[in-house]
Amino acid sequence: VHVPEGRRLFVALTVDENLVAGAHLQDRRGLEQGREYV
C-alpha cells in the first residue's frame, strides 16, 4: 500500500469514514480490529 505525497484523503468524509474506505477488503471483524489499531 502506497501513501502518496499530499495525503489525498476523501476530504468530505469523516476520519472514521476514511478508515472504513481503506478497509474495503476486510470483513466486519477485520474492520473493527483495524479501526482499534489505528
PDB file of all heavy atoms in Angstrom:
ATOM      1  N   VAL A   1       0.843  -1.195   0.000  1.00  0.00           N
ATOM      2  CA  VAL A   1       0.000   0.000   0.000  1.00  0.00           C
ATOM      3  C   VAL A   1       0.876   1.241   0.000  1.00  0.00           C
ATOM      4  O   VAL A   1       1.845   1.338   0.751  1.00  0.00           O
ATOM      5  CB  VAL A   1      -0.941   0.018   1.219  1.00  0.00           C
ATOM      6  CG1 VAL A   1      -1.839   1.243   1.181  1.00  0.00           C
ATOM      7  CG2 VAL A   1      -1.795  -1.238   1.240  1.00  0.00           C
ATOM      8  N   HIS A   2       0.492   2.199  -0.824  1.00  0.00           N
ATOM      9  CA  HIS A   2       1.251   3.428  -1.045  1.00  0.00           C
ATOM     10  C   HIS A   2       0.477   4.601  -0.453  1.00  0.00           C
ATOM     11  O   HIS A   2      -0.677   4.824  -0.820  1.00  0.00           O
ATOM     12  CB  HIS A   2       1.434   3.584  -2.565  1.00  0.00           C
ATOM     13  CG  HIS A   2       2.092   4.846  -3.002  1.00  0.00           C
ATOM     14  ND1 HIS A   2       2.120   5.225  -4.338  1.00  0.00           N
ATOM     15  CD2 HIS A   2       2.749   5.826  -2.341  1.00  0.00           C
ATOM     16  CE1 HIS A   2       2.761   6.365  -4.460  1.00  0.00           C
ATOM     17  NE2 HIS A   2       3.147   6.760  -3.254  1.00  0.00           N
ATOM     18  N   VAL A   3       1.100   5.351   0.461  1.00  0.00           N
ATOM     19  CA  VAL A   3       0.530   6.600   0.969  1.00  0.00           C
ATOM     20  C   VAL A   3       1.202   7.732   0.197  1.00  0.00           C
ATOM     21  O   VAL A   3       2.375   8.037   0.419  1.00  0.00           O
ATOM     22  CB  VAL A   3       0.771   6.769   2.478  1.00  0.00           C
ATOM     23  CG1 VAL A   3       0.181   8.096   2.965  1.00  0.00           C
ATOM     24  CG2 VAL A   3       0.155   5.605   3.252  1.00  0.00           C
ATOM     25  N   PRO A   4       0.491   8.364  -0.739  1.00  0.00           N
ATOM     26  CA  PRO A   4       1.137   9.331  -1.631  1.00  0.00           C
ATOM     27  C   PRO A   4       1.448  10.647  -0.949  1.00  0.00           C
ATOM     28  O   PRO A   4       0.900  10.993   0.103  1.00  0.00           O
ATOM     29  CB  PRO A   4       0.087   9.527  -2.734  1.00  0.00           C
ATOM     30  CG  PRO A   4      -1.213   9.267  -2.053  1.00  0.00           C
ATOM     31  CD  PRO A   4      -0.937   8.189  -1.047  1.00  0.00           C
ATOM     32  N   GLU A   5       2.338  11.399  -1.569  1.00  0.00           N
ATOM     33  CA  GLU A   5       2.621  12.760  -1.121  1.00  0.00           C
ATOM     34  C   GLU A   5       1.342  13.585  -1.190  1.00  0.00           C
ATOM     35  O   GLU A   5       0.576  13.484  -2.155  1.00  0.00           O
ATOM     36  CB  GLU A   5       3.694  13.371  -2.029  1.00  0.00           C
ATOM     37  CG  GLU A   5       4.095  14.781  -1.691  1.00  0.00           C
ATOM     38  CD  GLU A   5       5.100  15.341  -2.686  1.00  0.00           C
ATOM     39  OE1 GLU A   5       5.861  14.552  -3.278  1.00  0.00           O
ATOM     40  OE2 GLU A   5       5.107  16.568  -2.866  1.00  0.00           O
ATOM     41  N   GLY A   6       1.088  14.376  -0.158  1.00  0.00           N
ATOM     42  CA  GLY A   6      -0.104  15.223  -0.159  1.00  0.00           C
ATOM     43  C   GLY A   6      -1.338  14.564   0.431  1.00  0.00           C
ATOM     44  O   GLY A   6      -2.424  15.138   0.379  1.00  0.00           O
ATOM     45  N   ARG A   7      -1.209  13.363   0.971  1.00  0.00           N
ATOM     46  CA  ARG A   7      -2.257  12.640   1.699  1.00  0.00           C
ATOM     47  C   ARG A   7      -3.401  12.134   0.832  1.00  0.00           C
ATOM     48  O   ARG A   7      -3.768  11.002   0.884  1.00  0.00           O
ATOM     49  CB  ARG A   7      -2.819  13.490   2.855  1.00  0.00           C
ATOM     50  CG  ARG A   7      -2.025  13.456   4.116  1.00  0.00           C
ATOM     51  CD  ARG A   7      -0.859  14.383   4.123  1.00  0.00           C
ATOM     52  NE  ARG A   7      -1.254  15.776   4.357  1.00  0.00           N
ATOM     53  CZ  ARG A   7      -0.382  16.763   4.486  1.00  0.00           C
ATOM     54  NH1 ARG A   7       0.923  16.519   4.435  1.00  0.00           N
ATOM     55  NH2 ARG A   7      -0.782  18.000   4.681  1.00  0.00           N
ATOM     56  N   ARG A   8      -4.069  13.017   0.088  1.00  0.00           N
ATOM     57  CA  ARG A   8      -5.159  12.647  -0.826  1.00  0.00           C
ATOM     58  C   ARG A   8      -6.277  11.881  -0.108  1.00  0.00           C
ATOM     59  O   ARG A   8      -6.682  10.795  -0.531  1.00  0.00           O
ATOM     60  CB  ARG A   8      -4.621  11.844  -2.010  1.00  0.00           C
ATOM     61  CG  ARG A   8      -3.581  12.616  -2.805  1.00  0.00           C
ATOM     62  CD  ARG A   8      -3.155  11.916  -4.061  1.00  0.00           C
ATOM     63  NE  ARG A   8      -2.019  12.569  -4.666  1.00  0.00           N
ATOM     64  CZ  ARG A   8      -1.398  12.145  -5.768  1.00  0.00           C
ATOM     65  NH1 ARG A   8      -1.827  11.049  -6.366  1.00  0.00           N
ATOM     66  NH2 ARG A   8      -0.377  12.796  -6.256  1.00  0.00           N
ATOM     67  N   LEU A   9      -6.775  12.483   0.933  1.00  0.00           N
ATOM     68  CA  LEU A   9      -7.903  11.906   1.660  1.00  0.00           C
ATOM     69  C   LEU A   9      -9.212  12.198   0.931  1.00  0.00           C
ATOM     70  O   LEU A   9      -9.272  13.018   0.020  1.00  0.00           O
ATOM     71  CB  LEU A   9      -7.973  12.521   3.066  1.00  0.00           C
ATOM     72  CG  LEU A   9      -6.765  12.308   3.983  1.00  0.00           C
ATOM     73  CD1 LEU A   9      -7.010  13.014   5.306  1.00  0.00           C
ATOM     74  CD2 LEU A   9      -6.493  10.829   4.204  1.00  0.00           C
ATOM     75  N   PHE A  10     -10.274  11.531   1.374  1.00  0.00           N
ATOM     76  CA  PHE A  10     -11.629  11.888   0.955  1.00  0.00           C
ATOM     77  C   PHE A  10     -12.043  13.036   1.881  1.00  0.00           C
ATOM     78  O   PHE A  10     -12.534  12.814   2.993  1.00  0.00           O
ATOM     79  CB  PHE A  10     -12.564  10.698   1.078  1.00  0.00           C
ATOM     80  CG  PHE A  10     -12.154   9.526   0.221  1.00  0.00           C
ATOM     81  CD1 PHE A  10     -11.706   8.347   0.795  1.00  0.00           C
ATOM     82  CD2 PHE A  10     -12.212   9.607  -1.162  1.00  0.00           C
ATOM     83  CE1 PHE A  10     -11.324   7.275   0.011  1.00  0.00           C
ATOM     84  CE2 PHE A  10     -11.823   8.530  -1.961  1.00  0.00           C
ATOM     85  CZ  PHE A  10     -11.383   7.363  -1.371  1.00  0.00           C
ATOM     86  N   VAL A  11     -11.825  14.268   1.428  1.00  0.00           N
ATOM     87  CA  VAL A  11     -11.912  15.416   2.327  1.00  0.00           C
ATOM     88  C   VAL A  11     -13.332  15.696   2.809  1.00  0.00           C
ATOM     89  O   VAL A  11     -13.527  16.365   3.829  1.00  0.00           O
ATOM     90  CB  VAL A  11     -11.326  16.684   1.667  1.00  0.00           C
ATOM     91  CG1 VAL A  11      -9.827  16.522   1.457  1.00  0.00           C
ATOM     92  CG2 VAL A  11     -12.032  17.006   0.359  1.00  0.00           C
ATOM     93  N   ALA A  12     -14.345  15.216   2.101  1.00  0.00           N
ATOM     94  CA  ALA A  12     -15.732  15.437   2.514  1.00  0.00           C
ATOM     95  C   ALA A  12     -16.225  14.370   3.485  1.00  0.00           C
ATOM     96  O   ALA A  12     -17.321  14.496   4.032  1.00  0.00           O
ATOM     97  CB  ALA A  12     -16.648  15.484   1.290  1.00  0.00           C
ATOM     98  N   LEU A  13     -15.407  13.324   3.704  1.00  0.00           N
ATOM     99  CA  LEU A  13     -15.775  12.258   4.627  1.00  0.00           C
ATOM    100  C   LEU A  13     -15.120  12.488   5.988  1.00  0.00           C
ATOM    101  O   LEU A  13     -14.125  13.199   6.091  1.00  0.00           O
ATOM    102  CB  LEU A  13     -15.347  10.896   4.079  1.00  0.00           C
ATOM    103  CG  LEU A  13     -15.918  10.474   2.728  1.00  0.00           C
ATOM    104  CD1 LEU A  13     -15.439   9.071   2.382  1.00  0.00           C
ATOM    105  CD2 LEU A  13     -17.438  10.538   2.725  1.00  0.00           C
ATOM    106  N   THR A  14     -15.678  11.869   7.013  1.00  0.00           N
ATOM    107  CA  THR A  14     -15.097  11.979   8.340  1.00  0.00           C
ATOM    108  C   THR A  14     -13.846  11.119   8.447  1.00  0.00           C
ATOM    109  O   THR A  14     -13.543  10.309   7.563  1.00  0.00           O
ATOM    110  CB  THR A  14     -16.092  11.521   9.410  1.00  0.00           C
ATOM    111  OG1 THR A  14     -16.323  10.114   9.256  1.00  0.00           O
ATOM    112  CG2 THR A  14     -17.415  12.280   9.312  1.00  0.00           C
ATOM    113  N   VAL A  15     -13.128  11.301   9.560  1.00  0.00           N
ATOM    114  CA  VAL A  15     -11.963  10.466   9.839  1.00  0.00           C
ATOM    115  C   VAL A  15     -12.360   8.996   9.806  1.00  0.00           C
ATOM    116  O   VAL A  15     -11.709   8.173   9.143  1.00  0.00           O
ATOM    117  CB  VAL A  15     -11.361  10.828  11.214  1.00  0.00           C
ATOM    118  CG1 VAL A  15     -10.332   9.784  11.644  1.00  0.00           C
ATOM    119  CG2 VAL A  15     -10.741  12.212  11.182  1.00  0.00           C
ATOM    120  N   ASP A  16     -13.428   8.653  10.501  1.00  0.00           N
ATOM    121  CA  ASP A  16     -13.841   7.258  10.575  1.00  0.00           C
ATOM    122  C   ASP A  16     -14.254   6.718   9.208  1.00  0.00           C
ATOM    123  O   ASP A  16     -13.933   5.576   8.865  1.00  0.00           O
ATOM    124  CB  ASP A  16     -14.988   7.097  11.571  1.00  0.00           C
ATOM    125  CG  ASP A  16     -15.066   5.690  12.134  1.00  0.00           C
ATOM    126  OD1 ASP A  16     -14.098   5.250  12.782  1.00  0.00           O
ATOM    127  OD2 ASP A  16     -16.088   5.017  11.894  1.00  0.00           O
ATOM    128  N   GLU A  17     -14.932   7.525   8.425  1.00  0.00           N
ATOM    129  CA  GLU A  17     -15.356   7.091   7.089  1.00  0.00           C
ATOM    130  C   GLU A  17     -14.147   6.878   6.183  1.00  0.00           C
ATOM    131  O   GLU A  17     -14.164   5.974   5.328  1.00  0.00           O
ATOM    132  CB  GLU A  17     -16.314   8.113   6.490  1.00  0.00           C
ATOM    133  CG  GLU A  17     -17.691   8.095   7.154  1.00  0.00           C
ATOM    134  CD  GLU A  17     -18.550   9.290   6.789  1.00  0.00           C
ATOM    135  OE1 GLU A  17     -17.987  10.314   6.308  1.00  0.00           O
ATOM    136  OE2 GLU A  17     -19.769   9.225   6.984  1.00  0.00           O
ATOM    137  N   ASN A  18     -13.108   7.686   6.332  1.00  0.00           N
ATOM    138  CA  ASN A  18     -11.880   7.462   5.563  1.00  0.00           C
ATOM    139  C   ASN A  18     -11.255   6.122   5.935  1.00  0.00           C
ATOM    140  O   ASN A  18     -10.776   5.388   5.059  1.00  0.00           O
ATOM    141  CB  ASN A  18     -10.882   8.596   5.813  1.00  0.00           C
ATOM    142  CG  ASN A  18     -11.011   9.732   4.819  1.00  0.00           C
ATOM    143  OD1 ASN A  18     -10.438   9.700   3.735  1.00  0.00           O
ATOM    144  ND2 ASN A  18     -11.787  10.735   5.187  1.00  0.00           N
ATOM    145  N   LEU A  19     -11.250   5.784   7.223  1.00  0.00           N
ATOM    146  CA  LEU A  19     -10.694   4.496   7.642  1.00  0.00           C
ATOM    147  C   LEU A  19     -11.525   3.343   7.092  1.00  0.00           C
ATOM    148  O   LEU A  19     -10.973   2.337   6.633  1.00  0.00           O
ATOM    149  CB  LEU A  19     -10.635   4.415   9.170  1.00  0.00           C
ATOM    150  CG  LEU A  19      -9.719   5.414   9.877  1.00  0.00           C
ATOM    151  CD1 LEU A  19      -9.659   5.096  11.369  1.00  0.00           C
ATOM    152  CD2 LEU A  19      -8.319   5.420   9.285  1.00  0.00           C
ATOM    153  N   VAL A  20     -12.842   3.487   7.123  1.00  0.00           N
ATOM    154  CA  VAL A  20     -13.719   2.446   6.580  1.00  0.00           C
ATOM    155  C   VAL A  20     -13.444   2.250   5.090  1.00  0.00           C
ATOM    156  O   VAL A  20     -13.418   1.117   4.590  1.00  0.00           O
ATOM    157  CB  VAL A  20     -15.199   2.800   6.818  1.00  0.00           C
ATOM    158  CG1 VAL A  20     -16.118   1.844   6.053  1.00  0.00           C
ATOM    159  CG2 VAL A  20     -15.526   2.757   8.309  1.00  0.00           C
ATOM    160  N   ALA A  21     -13.210   3.352   4.374  1.00  0.00           N
ATOM    161  CA  ALA A  21     -12.908   3.246   2.936  1.00  0.00           C
ATOM    162  C   ALA A  21     -11.641   2.442   2.705  1.00  0.00           C
ATOM    163  O   ALA A  21     -11.531   1.701   1.717  1.00  0.00           O
ATOM    164  CB  ALA A  21     -12.766   4.643   2.330  1.00  0.00           C
ATOM    165  N   GLY A  22     -10.683   2.562   3.621  1.00  0.00           N
ATOM    166  CA  GLY A  22      -9.448   1.793   3.481  1.00  0.00           C
ATOM    167  C   GLY A  22      -9.614   0.324   3.796  1.00  0.00           C
ATOM    168  O   GLY A  22      -8.739  -0.485   3.453  1.00  0.00           O
ATOM    169  N   ALA A  23     -10.727  -0.026   4.435  1.00  0.00           N
ATOM    170  CA  ALA A  23     -10.948  -1.411   4.868  1.00  0.00           C
ATOM    171  C   ALA A  23     -11.876  -2.168   3.925  1.00  0.00           C
ATOM    172  O   ALA A  23     -12.480  -3.170   4.325  1.00  0.00           O
ATOM    173  CB  ALA A  23     -11.527  -1.422   6.280  1.00  0.00           C
ATOM    174  N   HIS A  24     -11.958  -1.715   2.672  1.00  0.00           N
ATOM    175  CA  HIS A  24     -12.930  -2.335   1.754  1.00  0.00           C
ATOM    176  C   HIS A  24     -12.624  -3.800   1.455  1.00  0.00           C
ATOM    177  O   HIS A  24     -13.506  -4.538   1.004  1.00  0.00           O
ATOM    178  CB  HIS A  24     -12.997  -1.539   0.451  1.00  0.00           C
ATOM    179  CG  HIS A  24     -11.738  -1.575  -0.362  1.00  0.00           C
ATOM    180  ND1 HIS A  24     -10.634  -0.819  -0.050  1.00  0.00           N
ATOM    181  CD2 HIS A  24     -11.406  -2.287  -1.472  1.00  0.00           C
ATOM    182  CE1 HIS A  24      -9.686  -1.050  -0.933  1.00  0.00           C
ATOM    183  NE2 HIS A  24     -10.104  -1.937  -1.808  1.00  0.00           N
ATOM    184  N   LEU A  25     -11.388  -4.239   1.733  1.00  0.00           N
ATOM    185  CA  LEU A  25     -11.037  -5.648   1.511  1.00  0.00           C
ATOM    186  C   LEU A  25     -11.235  -6.494   2.773  1.00  0.00           C
ATOM    187  O   LEU A  25     -11.022  -7.707   2.733  1.00  0.00           O
ATOM    188  CB  LEU A  25      -9.575  -5.766   1.059  1.00  0.00           C
ATOM    189  CG  LEU A  25      -9.218  -5.099  -0.273  1.00  0.00           C
ATOM    190  CD1 LEU A  25      -7.719  -5.203  -0.538  1.00  0.00           C
ATOM    191  CD2 LEU A  25     -10.002  -5.721  -1.424  1.00  0.00           C
ATOM    192  N   GLN A  26     -11.683  -5.869   3.878  1.00  0.00           N
ATOM    193  CA  GLN A  26     -11.801  -6.579   5.146  1.00  0.00           C
ATOM    194  C   GLN A  26     -13.254  -6.920   5.464  1.00  0.00           C
ATOM    195  O   GLN A  26     -14.181  -6.238   5.006  1.00  0.00           O
ATOM    196  CB  GLN A  26     -11.234  -5.711   6.284  1.00  0.00           C
ATOM    197  CG  GLN A  26      -9.819  -5.223   6.061  1.00  0.00           C
ATOM    198  CD  GLN A  26      -8.834  -6.362   5.895  1.00  0.00           C
ATOM    199  OE1 GLN A  26      -8.939  -7.382   6.557  1.00  0.00           O
ATOM    200  NE2 GLN A  26      -7.872  -6.179   4.988  1.00  0.00           N
ATOM    201  N   ASP A  27     -13.453  -7.965   6.265  1.00  0.00           N
ATOM    202  CA  ASP A  27     -14.781  -8.251   6.786  1.00  0.00           C
ATOM    203  C   ASP A  27     -15.030  -7.373   8.006  1.00  0.00           C
ATOM    204  O   ASP A  27     -14.182  -6.579   8.399  1.00  0.00           O
ATOM    205  CB  ASP A  27     -14.935  -9.740   7.120  1.00  0.00           C
ATOM    206  CG  ASP A  27     -13.908 -10.230   8.132  1.00  0.00           C
ATOM    207  OD1 ASP A  27     -13.323  -9.395   8.862  1.00  0.00           O
ATOM    208  OD2 ASP A  27     -13.684 -11.457   8.197  1.00  0.00           O
ATOM    209  N   ARG A  28     -16.207  -7.503   8.636  1.00  0.00           N
ATOM    210  CA  ARG A  28     -16.553  -6.632   9.755  1.00  0.00           C
ATOM    211  C   ARG A  28     -15.556  -6.758  10.906  1.00  0.00           C
ATOM    212  O   ARG A  28     -15.173  -5.771  11.518  1.00  0.00           O
ATOM    213  CB  ARG A  28     -17.970  -6.950  10.241  1.00  0.00           C
ATOM    214  CG  ARG A  28     -18.435  -6.064  11.399  1.00  0.00           C
ATOM    215  CD  ARG A  28     -19.885  -6.326  11.733  1.00  0.00           C
ATOM    216  NE  ARG A  28     -20.747  -5.909  10.650  1.00  0.00           N
ATOM    217  CZ  ARG A  28     -21.170  -4.654  10.467  1.00  0.00           C
ATOM    218  NH1 ARG A  28     -20.784  -3.697  11.300  1.00  0.00           N
ATOM    219  NH2 ARG A  28     -21.976  -4.354   9.475  1.00  0.00           N
ATOM    220  N   ARG A  29     -15.129  -7.985  11.186  1.00  0.00           N
ATOM    221  CA  ARG A  29     -14.184  -8.193  12.273  1.00  0.00           C
ATOM    222  C   ARG A  29     -12.852  -7.519  11.963  1.00  0.00           C
ATOM    223  O   ARG A  29     -12.247  -6.877  12.816  1.00  0.00           O
ATOM    224  CB  ARG A  29     -13.983  -9.695  12.502  1.00  0.00           C
ATOM    225  CG  ARG A  29     -13.075 -10.023  13.678  1.00  0.00           C
ATOM    226  CD  ARG A  29     -13.194 -11.511  14.034  1.00  0.00           C
ATOM    227  NE  ARG A  29     -12.315 -11.865  15.136  1.00  0.00           N
ATOM    228  CZ  ARG A  29     -11.085 -12.338  14.990  1.00  0.00           C
ATOM    229  NH1 ARG A  29     -10.582 -12.506  13.769  1.00  0.00           N
ATOM    230  NH2 ARG A  29     -10.347 -12.640  16.040  1.00  0.00           N
ATOM    231  N   GLY A  30     -12.395  -7.661  10.706  1.00  0.00           N
ATOM    232  CA  GLY A  30     -11.157  -7.015  10.293  1.00  0.00           C
ATOM    233  C   GLY A  30     -11.251  -5.503  10.359  1.00  0.00           C
ATOM    234  O   GLY A  30     -10.293  -4.824  10.732  1.00  0.00           O
ATOM    235  N   LEU A  31     -12.439  -4.968  10.013  1.00  0.00           N
ATOM    236  CA  LEU A  31     -12.668  -3.530  10.087  1.00  0.00           C
ATOM    237  C   LEU A  31     -12.522  -3.038  11.527  1.00  0.00           C
ATOM    238  O   LEU A  31     -11.833  -2.047  11.790  1.00  0.00           O
ATOM    239  CB  LEU A  31     -14.058  -3.194   9.547  1.00  0.00           C
ATOM    240  CG  LEU A  31     -14.577  -1.781   9.807  1.00  0.00           C
ATOM    241  CD1 LEU A  31     -13.690  -0.738   9.149  1.00  0.00           C
ATOM    242  CD2 LEU A  31     -16.017  -1.645   9.316  1.00  0.00           C
ATOM    243  N   GLU A  32     -13.158  -3.721  12.458  1.00  0.00           N
ATOM    244  CA  GLU A  32     -13.108  -3.299  13.854  1.00  0.00           C
ATOM    245  C   GLU A  32     -11.694  -3.415  14.432  1.00  0.00           C
ATOM    246  O   GLU A  32     -11.245  -2.547  15.177  1.00  0.00           O
ATOM    247  CB  GLU A  32     -14.092  -4.124  14.687  1.00  0.00           C
ATOM    248  CG  GLU A  32     -15.551  -3.862  14.347  1.00  0.00           C
ATOM    249  CD  GLU A  32     -15.920  -2.388  14.460  1.00  0.00           C
ATOM    250  OE1 GLU A  32     -15.403  -1.702  15.375  1.00  0.00           O
ATOM    251  OE2 GLU A  32     -16.697  -1.906  13.616  1.00  0.00           O
ATOM    252  N   GLN A  33     -10.994  -4.481  14.069  1.00  0.00           N
ATOM    253  CA  GLN A  33      -9.616  -4.646  14.539  1.00  0.00           C
ATOM    254  C   GLN A  33      -8.721  -3.539  14.002  1.00  0.00           C
ATOM    255  O   GLN A  33      -7.894  -2.976  14.734  1.00  0.00           O
ATOM    256  CB  GLN A  33      -9.074  -6.012  14.116  1.00  0.00           C
ATOM    257  CG  GLN A  33      -9.663  -7.185  14.866  1.00  0.00           C
ATOM    258  CD  GLN A  33      -9.136  -8.507  14.347  1.00  0.00           C
ATOM    259  OE1 GLN A  33      -8.680  -8.616  13.197  1.00  0.00           O
ATOM    260  NE2 GLN A  33      -9.190  -9.533  15.178  1.00  0.00           N
ATOM    261  N   GLY A  34      -8.888  -3.242  12.725  1.00  0.00           N
ATOM    262  CA  GLY A  34      -8.082  -2.198  12.106  1.00  0.00           C
ATOM    263  C   GLY A  34      -8.354  -0.838  12.708  1.00  0.00           C
ATOM    264  O   GLY A  34      -7.428  -0.061  12.993  1.00  0.00           O
ATOM    265  N   ARG A  35      -9.616  -0.535  12.907  1.00  0.00           N
ATOM    266  CA  ARG A  35     -10.003   0.744  13.497  1.00  0.00           C
ATOM    267  C   ARG A  35      -9.399   0.894  14.902  1.00  0.00           C
ATOM    268  O   ARG A  35      -8.842   1.929  15.248  1.00  0.00           O
ATOM    269  CB  ARG A  35     -11.528   0.810  13.535  1.00  0.00           C
ATOM    270  CG  ARG A  35     -12.097   2.131  13.982  1.00  0.00           C
ATOM    271  CD  ARG A  35     -13.591   1.985  14.173  1.00  0.00           C
ATOM    272  NE  ARG A  35     -14.364   2.323  12.996  1.00  0.00           N
ATOM    273  CZ  ARG A  35     -15.452   1.672  12.603  1.00  0.00           C
ATOM    274  NH1 ARG A  35     -15.859   0.599  13.252  1.00  0.00           N
ATOM    275  NH2 ARG A  35     -16.126   2.081  11.554  1.00  0.00           N
ATOM    276  N   GLU A  36      -9.496  -0.161  15.700  1.00  0.00           N
ATOM    277  CA  GLU A  36      -8.952  -0.133  17.060  1.00  0.00           C
ATOM    278  C   GLU A  36      -7.438   0.075  17.024  1.00  0.00           C
ATOM    279  O   GLU A  36      -6.881   0.833  17.829  1.00  0.00           O
ATOM    280  CB  GLU A  36      -9.291  -1.436  17.783  1.00  0.00           C
ATOM    281  CG  GLU A  36      -8.765  -1.516  19.203  1.00  0.00           C
ATOM    282  CD  GLU A  36      -9.105  -2.840  19.881  1.00  0.00           C
ATOM    283  OE1 GLU A  36      -9.828  -3.658  19.262  1.00  0.00           O
ATOM    284  OE2 GLU A  36      -8.638  -3.056  21.006  1.00  0.00           O
ATOM    285  N   TYR A  37      -6.781  -0.582  16.085  1.00  0.00           N
ATOM    286  CA  TYR A  37      -5.329  -0.454  15.992  1.00  0.00           C
ATOM    287  C   TYR A  37      -4.922   0.964  15.611  1.00  0.00           C
ATOM    288  O   TYR A  37      -4.002   1.540  16.202  1.00  0.00           O
ATOM    289  CB  TYR A  37      -4.776  -1.447  14.972  1.00  0.00           C
ATOM    290  CG  TYR A  37      -3.267  -1.398  14.883  1.00  0.00           C
ATOM    291  CD1 TYR A  37      -2.483  -2.043  15.831  1.00  0.00           C
ATOM    292  CD2 TYR A  37      -2.629  -0.681  13.881  1.00  0.00           C
ATOM    293  CE1 TYR A  37      -1.097  -1.977  15.782  1.00  0.00           C
ATOM    294  CE2 TYR A  37      -1.248  -0.597  13.824  1.00  0.00           C
ATOM    295  CZ  TYR A  37      -0.489  -1.257  14.778  1.00  0.00           C
ATOM    296  OH  TYR A  37       0.869  -1.171  14.734  1.00  0.00           O
ATOM    297  N   VAL A  38      -5.594   1.548  14.618  1.00  0.00           N
ATOM    298  CA  VAL A  38      -5.241   2.896  14.150  1.00  0.00           C
ATOM    299  C   VAL A  38      -5.469   3.930  15.249  1.00  0.00           C
ATOM    300  O   VAL A  38      -4.620   4.809  15.472  1.00  0.00           O
ATOM    301  CB  VAL A  38      -6.041   3.253  12.884  1.00  0.00           C
ATOM    302  CG1 VAL A  38      -5.857   4.732  12.528  1.00  0.00           C
ATOM    303  CG2 VAL A  38      -5.598   2.379  11.716  1.00  0.00           C
TER     304      VAL A  38
END
